[in-house]
Amino acid sequence: MKEMGIAINELHHKAMALADEASYAKRGGELEVAQSKYLEAFEFEKAAAKMWKVNCPTGVEVPQGFREKVADNSHACA
């Protein structure tokens, strides 16, 4: 399970790095580059979320506000 956590974190960190790159591109007026990087970041974050959903350990506290943002939270760990 520890390896899964590492993989999820790596996906998340990649998504955040891409989002940062997109933000810099947007500020620099490179809107097509920004959009492409935001979409790529989204895909990495979505992959991390799916991996977490499938491999969610029992007893993990769901962050406050998460349940309210998800229409069907029957899958949420708590």
C-alpha atoms as a PDB file:
ATOM      1  CA  MET A   1       0.000   0.000   0.000  1.00  0.00           C
ATOM      2  CA  LYS A   2       2.907   2.335   0.668  1.00  0.00           C
ATOM      3  CA  GLU A   3       4.005   2.031  -2.972  1.00  0.00           C
ATOM      4  CA  MET A   4       0.487   3.009  -4.045  1.00  0.00           C
ATOM      5  CA  GLY A   5       0.676   6.127  -1.890  1.00  0.00           C
ATOM      6  CA  ILE A   6       3.974   7.043  -3.509  1.00  0.00           C
ATOM      7  CA  ALA A   7       2.496   6.572  -6.984  1.00  0.00           C
ATOM      8  CA  ILE A   8      -0.516   8.719  -6.100  1.00  0.00           C
ATOM      9  CA  ASN A   9       1.736  11.437  -4.709  1.00  0.00           C
ATOM     10  CA  GLU A  10       3.905  11.363  -7.830  1.00  0.00           C
ATOM     11  CA  LEU A  11       0.844  11.779 -10.055  1.00  0.00           C
ATOM     12  CA  HIS A  12      -0.413  14.618  -7.868  1.00  0.00           C
ATOM     13  CA  HIS A  13       2.950  16.407  -7.840  1.00  0.00           C
ATOM     14  CA  LYS A  14       3.207  16.091 -11.622  1.00  0.00           C
ATOM     15  CA  ALA A  15      -0.274  17.608 -11.926  1.00  0.00           C
ATOM     16  CA  MET A  16       0.672  20.498  -9.658  1.00  0.00           C
ATOM     17  CA  ALA A  17       3.883  21.160 -11.594  1.00  0.00           C
ATOM     18  CA  LEU A  18       1.935  21.233 -14.848  1.00  0.00           C
ATOM     19  CA  ALA A  19      -0.636  23.580 -13.321  1.00  0.00           C
ATOM     20  CA  ASP A  20       2.207  25.904 -12.282  1.00  0.00           C
ATOM     21  CA  GLU A  21       3.634  25.802 -15.803  1.00  0.00           C
ATOM     22  CA  ALA A  22       0.178  26.552 -17.189  1.00  0.00           C
ATOM     23  CA  SER A  23      -0.194  29.505 -14.876  1.00  0.00           C
ATOM     24  CA  TYR A  24       3.159  30.952 -15.991  1.00  0.00           C
ATOM     25  CA  ALA A  25       2.231  30.419 -19.640  1.00  0.00           C
ATOM     26  CA  LYS A  26      -1.114  32.133 -19.116  1.00  0.00           C
ATOM     27  CA  ARG A  27       0.540  35.131 -17.469  1.00  0.00           C
ATOM     28  CA  GLY A  28       2.950  35.259 -20.387  1.00  0.00           C
ATOM     29  CA  GLY A  29       0.097  35.401 -22.887  1.00  0.00           C
ATOM     30  CA  GLU A  30       0.669  31.870 -24.189  1.00  0.00           C
ATOM     31  CA  LEU A  31      -2.964  30.847 -23.891  1.00  0.00           C
ATOM     32  CA  GLU A  32      -2.811  27.739 -26.071  1.00  0.00           C
ATOM     33  CA  VAL A  33       0.181  26.432 -24.130  1.00  0.00           C
ATOM     34  CA  ALA A  34      -1.594  27.228 -20.853  1.00  0.00           C
ATOM     35  CA  GLN A  35      -4.747  25.407 -21.905  1.00  0.00           C
ATOM     36  CA  SER A  36      -2.775  22.369 -23.007  1.00  0.00           C
ATOM     37  CA  LYS A  37      -0.870  22.229 -19.710  1.00  0.00           C
ATOM     38  CA  TYR A  38      -4.026  22.713 -17.635  1.00  0.00           C
ATOM     39  CA  LEU A  39      -5.681  19.823 -19.468  1.00  0.00           C
ATOM     40  CA  GLU A  40      -2.628  17.629 -18.971  1.00  0.00           C
ATOM     41  CA  ALA A  41      -2.547  18.560 -15.270  1.00  0.00           C
ATOM     42  CA  PHE A  42      -6.213  17.633 -14.995  1.00  0.00           C
ATOM     43  CA  GLU A  43      -5.549  14.193 -16.481  1.00  0.00           C
ATOM     44  CA  PHE A  44      -2.729  13.509 -14.004  1.00  0.00           C
ATOM     45  CA  GLU A  45      -4.858  14.653 -11.065  1.00  0.00           C
ATOM     46  CA  LYS A  46      -7.806  12.582 -12.298  1.00  0.00           C
ATOM     47  CA  ALA A  47      -5.550   9.520 -12.495  1.00  0.00           C
ATOM     48  CA  ALA A  48      -4.350  10.128  -8.940  1.00  0.00           C
ATOM     49  CA  ALA A  49      -7.925  10.506  -7.707  1.00  0.00           C
ATOM     50  CA  LYS A  50      -9.036   7.310  -9.436  1.00  0.00           C
ATOM     51  CA  MET A  51      -6.075   5.413  -8.003  1.00  0.00           C
ATOM     52  CA  TRP A  52      -6.876   6.742  -4.529  1.00  0.00           C
ATOM     53  CA  LYS A  53     -10.560   5.854  -4.902  1.00  0.00           C
ATOM     54  CA  VAL A  54      -9.769   2.264  -5.880  1.00  0.00           C
ATOM     55  CA  ASN A  55      -7.047   1.756  -3.262  1.00  0.00           C
ATOM     56  CA  CYS A  56      -8.399   3.922  -0.469  1.00  0.00           C
ATOM     57  CA  PRO A  57      -7.350   2.543   2.894  1.00  0.00           C
ATOM     58  CA  THR A  58      -9.995   2.187   5.545  1.00  0.00           C
ATOM     59  CA  GLY A  59      -9.889   4.667   8.354  1.00  0.00           C
ATOM     60  CA  VAL A  60      -8.508   7.486   6.215  1.00  0.00           C
ATOM     61  CA  GLU A  61     -10.063  10.813   7.101  1.00  0.00           C
ATOM     62  CA  VAL A  62     -11.693  12.550   4.143  1.00  0.00           C
ATOM     63  CA  PRO A  63     -10.739  16.245   4.022  1.00  0.00           C
ATOM     64  CA  GLN A  64     -13.409  18.605   5.326  1.00  0.00           C
ATOM     65  CA  GLY A  65     -15.534  19.905   2.480  1.00  0.00           C
ATOM     66  CA  PHE A  66     -14.760  16.955   0.195  1.00  0.00           C
ATOM     67  CA  ARG A  67     -18.083  15.231   0.726  1.00  0.00           C
ATOM     68  CA  GLU A  68     -19.981  18.422  -0.018  1.00  0.00           C
ATOM     69  CA  LYS A  69     -18.186  18.784  -3.357  1.00  0.00           C
ATOM     70  CA  VAL A  70     -18.885  15.235  -4.520  1.00  0.00           C
ATOM     71  CA  ALA A  71     -22.456  14.425  -5.524  1.00  0.00           C
ATOM     72  CA  ASP A  72     -22.131  10.706  -4.767  1.00  0.00           C
ATOM     73  CA  ASN A  73     -19.682  10.198  -1.934  1.00  0.00           C
ATOM     74  CA  SER A  74     -20.574   6.574  -1.311  1.00  0.00           C
ATOM     75  CA  HIS A  75     -17.044   5.748  -2.473  1.00  0.00           C
ATOM     76  CA  ALA A  76     -15.316   8.173  -0.105  1.00  0.00           C
ATOM     77  CA  CYS A  77     -13.019   6.781   2.550  1.00  0.00           C
ATOM     78  CA  ALA A  78     -14.007   7.718   6.059  1.00  0.00           C
END
